[in-house]
Amino acid sequence: MLIKSVLSRLAGAASFGRGKNLVDTAARKAVGATATGPTTAAAPGSQLRDILTQYDVTDISPQGFSDLLQRLRQAGLLPDKDYQELSAVRVDMDRDGIGANQRVNLVEMYAKKLKSVEQDAKELEEKLGTAGARAMDAAVRRRLDWLQKLSAIHASPEAATINALA
């Protein structure tokens, strides 16, 4: 996957509760590591930078998020599996009653969702069963991780380069 080569390196630093500076530092380090390799592809990295500089997931509307996903997919930067995962964010926005042009902080929204899932773990297990509760927790964590990574790249677009062969 094209995006994962950079984004997967940010997972540790972008975990719940860590500071923005730590994420930015990790983003620069991760991107620097891929940029120094012999297989760096400038075109996808440039496309990713160009797209993500226009979309801030910490201040975005549902319509803007849909546009972001579409542009990433059209550029070939978002495989089907990841597109489906991120499309669930858009579904959640609709389910939460967020208007098409209402701006929200998706990172904050999913951090709150994760906290709620963790606090209501016992109730969720009773309602959904152990496997269902774990699946819900995992899904919210994956979405939060994605959003934190997209936010980190938006914050430091100059550092976003992708290894196309990874």
C-alpha atoms as a PDB file:
ATOM      1  CA  MET A   1       0.000   0.000   0.000  1.00  0.00           C
ATOM      2  CA  LEU A   2       1.321   3.402  -0.912  1.00  0.00           C
ATOM      3  CA  ILE A   3       0.180   5.445   2.065  1.00  0.00           C
ATOM      4  CA  LYS A   4       0.979   2.801   4.665  1.00  0.00           C
ATOM      5  CA  SER A   5       4.707   2.981   3.897  1.00  0.00           C
ATOM      6  CA  VAL A   6       4.760   6.404   5.517  1.00  0.00           C
ATOM      7  CA  LEU A   7       1.716   6.197   7.725  1.00  0.00           C
ATOM      8  CA  SER A   8       2.581   2.900   9.379  1.00  0.00           C
ATOM      9  CA  ARG A   9       5.742   4.447  10.784  1.00  0.00           C
ATOM     10  CA  LEU A  10       3.651   7.043  12.594  1.00  0.00           C
ATOM     11  CA  ALA A  11       1.420   4.606  14.469  1.00  0.00           C
ATOM     12  CA  GLY A  12       3.523   4.533  17.631  1.00  0.00           C
ATOM     13  CA  ALA A  13       3.826   8.278  17.969  1.00  0.00           C
ATOM     14  CA  ALA A  14       0.266   8.975  16.922  1.00  0.00           C
ATOM     15  CA  SER A  15      -1.256   6.817  19.620  1.00  0.00           C
ATOM     16  CA  PHE A  16      -4.032   8.189  21.772  1.00  0.00           C
ATOM     17  CA  GLY A  17      -3.047  10.925  24.178  1.00  0.00           C
ATOM     18  CA  ARG A  18       0.358  11.901  22.825  1.00  0.00           C
ATOM     19  CA  GLY A  19       1.271  15.458  21.935  1.00  0.00           C
ATOM     20  CA  LYS A  20       1.201  17.055  18.498  1.00  0.00           C
ATOM     21  CA  ASN A  21       4.936  17.781  18.605  1.00  0.00           C
ATOM     22  CA  LEU A  22       5.696  14.105  19.117  1.00  0.00           C
ATOM     23  CA  VAL A  23       3.537  13.194  16.127  1.00  0.00           C
ATOM     24  CA  ASP A  24       5.160  15.889  13.986  1.00  0.00           C
ATOM     25  CA  THR A  25       8.636  14.687  14.975  1.00  0.00           C
ATOM     26  CA  ALA A  26       7.723  11.088  14.213  1.00  0.00           C
ATOM     27  CA  ALA A  27       6.273  12.131  10.858  1.00  0.00           C
ATOM     28  CA  ARG A  28       9.489  13.899   9.897  1.00  0.00           C
ATOM     29  CA  LYS A  29      11.619  10.934  10.984  1.00  0.00           C
ATOM     30  CA  ALA A  30       9.439   8.372   9.214  1.00  0.00           C
ATOM     31  CA  VAL A  31       9.340  10.364   6.033  1.00  0.00           C
ATOM     32  CA  GLY A  32      13.060  11.086   6.211  1.00  0.00           C
ATOM     33  CA  ALA A  33      13.766   7.369   6.419  1.00  0.00           C
ATOM     34  CA  THR A  34      11.745   6.629   3.291  1.00  0.00           C
ATOM     35  CA  ALA A  35      13.049   9.666   1.448  1.00  0.00           C
ATOM     36  CA  THR A  36      16.648   8.541   1.788  1.00  0.00           C
ATOM     37  CA  GLY A  37      15.985   5.111   0.286  1.00  0.00           C
ATOM     38  CA  PRO A  38      16.819   4.393  -3.353  1.00  0.00           C
ATOM     39  CA  THR A  39      13.198   3.578  -4.240  1.00  0.00           C
ATOM     40  CA  THR A  40      11.631   6.915  -3.334  1.00  0.00           C
ATOM     41  CA  ALA A  41       8.887   7.896  -5.756  1.00  0.00           C
ATOM     42  CA  ALA A  42       8.460  11.654  -6.019  1.00  0.00           C
ATOM     43  CA  ALA A  43       5.178  11.627  -7.931  1.00  0.00           C
ATOM     44  CA  PRO A  44       3.050   9.785  -5.317  1.00  0.00           C
ATOM     45  CA  GLY A  45       4.680  11.751  -2.489  1.00  0.00           C
ATOM     46  CA  SER A  46       3.986  14.968  -4.300  1.00  0.00           C
ATOM     47  CA  GLN A  47       0.378  13.942  -4.916  1.00  0.00           C
ATOM     48  CA  LEU A  48      -0.086  13.026  -1.275  1.00  0.00           C
ATOM     49  CA  ARG A  49       1.362  16.356  -0.124  1.00  0.00           C
ATOM     50  CA  ASP A  50      -0.753  18.302  -2.587  1.00  0.00           C
ATOM     51  CA  ILE A  51      -3.947  16.575  -1.502  1.00  0.00           C
ATOM     52  CA  LEU A  52      -3.366  16.588   2.254  1.00  0.00           C
ATOM     53  CA  THR A  53      -2.325  20.241   2.389  1.00  0.00           C
ATOM     54  CA  GLN A  54      -5.871  21.065   1.243  1.00  0.00           C
ATOM     55  CA  TYR A  55      -7.667  18.942   3.843  1.00  0.00           C
ATOM     56  CA  ASP A  56      -7.290  19.237   7.602  1.00  0.00           C
ATOM     57  CA  VAL A  57      -9.067  16.383   9.388  1.00  0.00           C
ATOM     58  CA  THR A  58      -9.013  18.461  12.572  1.00  0.00           C
ATOM     59  CA  ASP A  59     -11.270  21.023  10.861  1.00  0.00           C
ATOM     60  CA  ILE A  60     -13.262  19.367   8.106  1.00  0.00           C
ATOM     61  CA  SER A  61     -16.850  18.933   6.986  1.00  0.00           C
ATOM     62  CA  PRO A  62     -18.378  15.621   5.926  1.00  0.00           C
ATOM     63  CA  GLN A  63     -18.411  16.897   2.329  1.00  0.00           C
ATOM     64  CA  GLY A  64     -14.736  17.856   2.607  1.00  0.00           C
ATOM     65  CA  PHE A  65     -13.878  14.439   4.016  1.00  0.00           C
ATOM     66  CA  SER A  66     -15.693  12.742   1.139  1.00  0.00           C
ATOM     67  CA  ASP A  67     -13.744  14.910  -1.298  1.00  0.00           C
ATOM     68  CA  LEU A  68     -10.469  13.967   0.437  1.00  0.00           C
ATOM     69  CA  LEU A  69     -11.227  10.249   0.161  1.00  0.00           C
ATOM     70  CA  GLN A  70     -12.217  10.575  -3.478  1.00  0.00           C
ATOM     71  CA  ARG A  71      -9.055  12.479  -4.385  1.00  0.00           C
ATOM     72  CA  LEU A  72      -6.817   9.987  -2.552  1.00  0.00           C
ATOM     73  CA  ARG A  73      -8.541   7.108  -4.303  1.00  0.00           C
ATOM     74  CA  GLN A  74      -8.408   8.725  -7.759  1.00  0.00           C
ATOM     75  CA  ALA A  75      -4.693   9.373  -7.269  1.00  0.00           C
ATOM     76  CA  GLY A  76      -4.186   5.674  -6.530  1.00  0.00           C
ATOM     77  CA  LEU A  77      -3.044   6.424  -2.978  1.00  0.00           C
ATOM     78  CA  LEU A  78      -5.880   4.642  -1.199  1.00  0.00           C
ATOM     79  CA  PRO A  79      -6.487   0.933  -1.836  1.00  0.00           C
ATOM     80  CA  ASP A  80     -10.013  -0.489  -1.544  1.00  0.00           C
ATOM     81  CA  LYS A  81      -9.580  -1.871   1.990  1.00  0.00           C
ATOM     82  CA  ASP A  82      -8.371   1.472   3.340  1.00  0.00           C
ATOM     83  CA  TYR A  83     -10.999   3.355   1.373  1.00  0.00           C
ATOM     84  CA  GLN A  84     -13.686   1.216   3.002  1.00  0.00           C
ATOM     85  CA  GLU A  85     -12.190   1.800   6.459  1.00  0.00           C
ATOM     86  CA  LEU A  86     -12.112   5.559   5.979  1.00  0.00           C
ATOM     87  CA  SER A  87     -15.556   5.577   4.375  1.00  0.00           C
ATOM     88  CA  ALA A  88     -16.840   4.293   7.711  1.00  0.00           C
ATOM     89  CA  VAL A  89     -15.704   7.618   9.195  1.00  0.00           C
ATOM     90  CA  ARG A  90     -18.021   9.394   6.772  1.00  0.00           C
ATOM     91  CA  VAL A  91     -20.867   7.037   7.719  1.00  0.00           C
ATOM     92  CA  ASP A  92     -20.207   7.799  11.393  1.00  0.00           C
ATOM     93  CA  MET A  93     -20.371  11.517  10.658  1.00  0.00           C
ATOM     94  CA  ASP A  94     -23.815  11.062   9.101  1.00  0.00           C
ATOM     95  CA  ARG A  95     -24.936   8.819  11.964  1.00  0.00           C
ATOM     96  CA  ASP A  96     -23.811  11.475  14.467  1.00  0.00           C
ATOM     97  CA  GLY A  97     -25.964  14.074  12.682  1.00  0.00           C
ATOM     98  CA  ILE A  98     -23.112  16.223  11.420  1.00  0.00           C
ATOM     99  CA  GLY A  99     -24.365  18.436   8.578  1.00  0.00           C
ATOM    100  CA  ALA A 100     -22.709  18.202   5.159  1.00  0.00           C
ATOM    101  CA  ASN A 101     -20.961  21.553   5.626  1.00  0.00           C
ATOM    102  CA  GLN A 102     -20.546  21.512   9.422  1.00  0.00           C
ATOM    103  CA  ARG A 103     -16.865  21.516  10.368  1.00  0.00           C
ATOM    104  CA  VAL A 104     -15.600  19.062  12.989  1.00  0.00           C
ATOM    105  CA  ASN A 105     -12.335  17.841  14.457  1.00  0.00           C
ATOM    106  CA  LEU A 106     -12.316  14.165  13.476  1.00  0.00           C
ATOM    107  CA  VAL A 107      -9.262  13.352  15.588  1.00  0.00           C
ATOM    108  CA  GLU A 108     -10.982  14.746  18.666  1.00  0.00           C
ATOM    109  CA  MET A 109     -14.266  13.092  17.714  1.00  0.00           C
ATOM    110  CA  TYR A 110     -12.651   9.648  17.449  1.00  0.00           C
ATOM    111  CA  ALA A 111     -10.592  10.139  20.597  1.00  0.00           C
ATOM    112  CA  LYS A 112     -13.897  10.725  22.413  1.00  0.00           C
ATOM    113  CA  LYS A 113     -15.446   7.684  20.698  1.00  0.00           C
ATOM    114  CA  LEU A 114     -12.521   5.530  21.819  1.00  0.00           C
ATOM    115  CA  LYS A 115     -12.771   6.809  25.379  1.00  0.00           C
ATOM    116  CA  SER A 116     -16.489   6.048  25.368  1.00  0.00           C
ATOM    117  CA  VAL A 117     -15.920   2.530  24.022  1.00  0.00           C
ATOM    118  CA  GLU A 118     -13.299   1.912  26.701  1.00  0.00           C
ATOM    119  CA  GLN A 119     -15.543   3.259  29.478  1.00  0.00           C
ATOM    120  CA  ASP A 120     -18.552   1.262  28.283  1.00  0.00           C
ATOM    121  CA  ALA A 121     -16.611  -1.948  27.634  1.00  0.00           C
ATOM    122  CA  LYS A 122     -18.662  -4.098  29.998  1.00  0.00           C
ATOM    123  CA  GLU A 123     -21.962  -2.828  28.623  1.00  0.00           C
ATOM    124  CA  LEU A 124     -20.768  -3.367  25.068  1.00  0.00           C
ATOM    125  CA  GLU A 125     -19.719  -6.932  25.900  1.00  0.00           C
ATOM    126  CA  GLU A 126     -23.173  -7.647  27.300  1.00  0.00           C
ATOM    127  CA  LYS A 127     -24.832  -6.079  24.288  1.00  0.00           C
ATOM    128  CA  LEU A 128     -22.531  -7.270  21.473  1.00  0.00           C
ATOM    129  CA  GLY A 129     -20.668 -10.150  23.038  1.00  0.00           C
ATOM    130  CA  THR A 130     -16.940 -10.200  23.686  1.00  0.00           C
ATOM    131  CA  ALA A 131     -15.997 -10.539  20.017  1.00  0.00           C
ATOM    132  CA  GLY A 132     -18.346  -7.736  18.973  1.00  0.00           C
ATOM    133  CA  ALA A 133     -17.067  -5.381  21.658  1.00  0.00           C
ATOM    134  CA  ARG A 134     -13.464  -6.094  20.701  1.00  0.00           C
ATOM    135  CA  ALA A 135     -14.252  -5.572  17.020  1.00  0.00           C
ATOM    136  CA  MET A 136     -15.857  -2.211  17.798  1.00  0.00           C
ATOM    137  CA  ASP A 137     -12.865  -1.148  19.901  1.00  0.00           C
ATOM    138  CA  ALA A 138     -10.448  -2.220  17.149  1.00  0.00           C
ATOM    139  CA  ALA A 139     -12.421  -0.393  14.451  1.00  0.00           C
ATOM    140  CA  VAL A 140     -12.488   2.865  16.422  1.00  0.00           C
ATOM    141  CA  ARG A 141      -8.743   2.555  17.133  1.00  0.00           C
ATOM    142  CA  ARG A 142      -7.940   1.951  13.439  1.00  0.00           C
ATOM    143  CA  ARG A 143      -9.968   4.972  12.376  1.00  0.00           C
ATOM    144  CA  LEU A 144      -8.385   7.168  15.033  1.00  0.00           C
ATOM    145  CA  ASP A 145      -4.927   5.998  13.930  1.00  0.00           C
ATOM    146  CA  TRP A 146      -5.717   6.884  10.310  1.00  0.00           C
ATOM    147  CA  LEU A 147      -7.017  10.305  11.254  1.00  0.00           C
ATOM    148  CA  GLN A 148      -3.992  11.041  13.440  1.00  0.00           C
ATOM    149  CA  LYS A 149      -1.678  10.053  10.610  1.00  0.00           C
ATOM    150  CA  LEU A 150      -3.521  12.165   8.056  1.00  0.00           C
ATOM    151  CA  SER A 151      -3.432  15.062  10.498  1.00  0.00           C
ATOM    152  CA  ALA A 152       0.312  14.640  11.064  1.00  0.00           C
ATOM    153  CA  ILE A 153       1.019  14.689   7.335  1.00  0.00           C
ATOM    154  CA  HIS A 154      -1.234  17.734   6.895  1.00  0.00           C
ATOM    155  CA  ALA A 155       0.713  19.481   9.663  1.00  0.00           C
ATOM    156  CA  SER A 156       4.086  18.629   8.064  1.00  0.00           C
ATOM    157  CA  PRO A 157       3.464  18.281   4.309  1.00  0.00           C
ATOM    158  CA  GLU A 158       7.070  19.092   3.462  1.00  0.00           C
ATOM    159  CA  ALA A 159       8.065  15.846   5.132  1.00  0.00           C
ATOM    160  CA  ALA A 160       5.532  13.602   3.354  1.00  0.00           C
ATOM    161  CA  THR A 161       7.239  11.353   0.821  1.00  0.00           C
ATOM    162  CA  ILE A 162       6.219   7.851  -0.118  1.00  0.00           C
ATOM    163  CA  ASN A 163       8.188   4.751  -1.006  1.00  0.00           C
ATOM    164  CA  ALA A 164       6.147   3.417  -3.911  1.00  0.00           C
ATOM    165  CA  LEU A 165       7.550  -0.096  -3.660  1.00  0.00           C
ATOM    166  CA  ALA A 166       6.808  -0.584   0.043  1.00  0.00           C
END
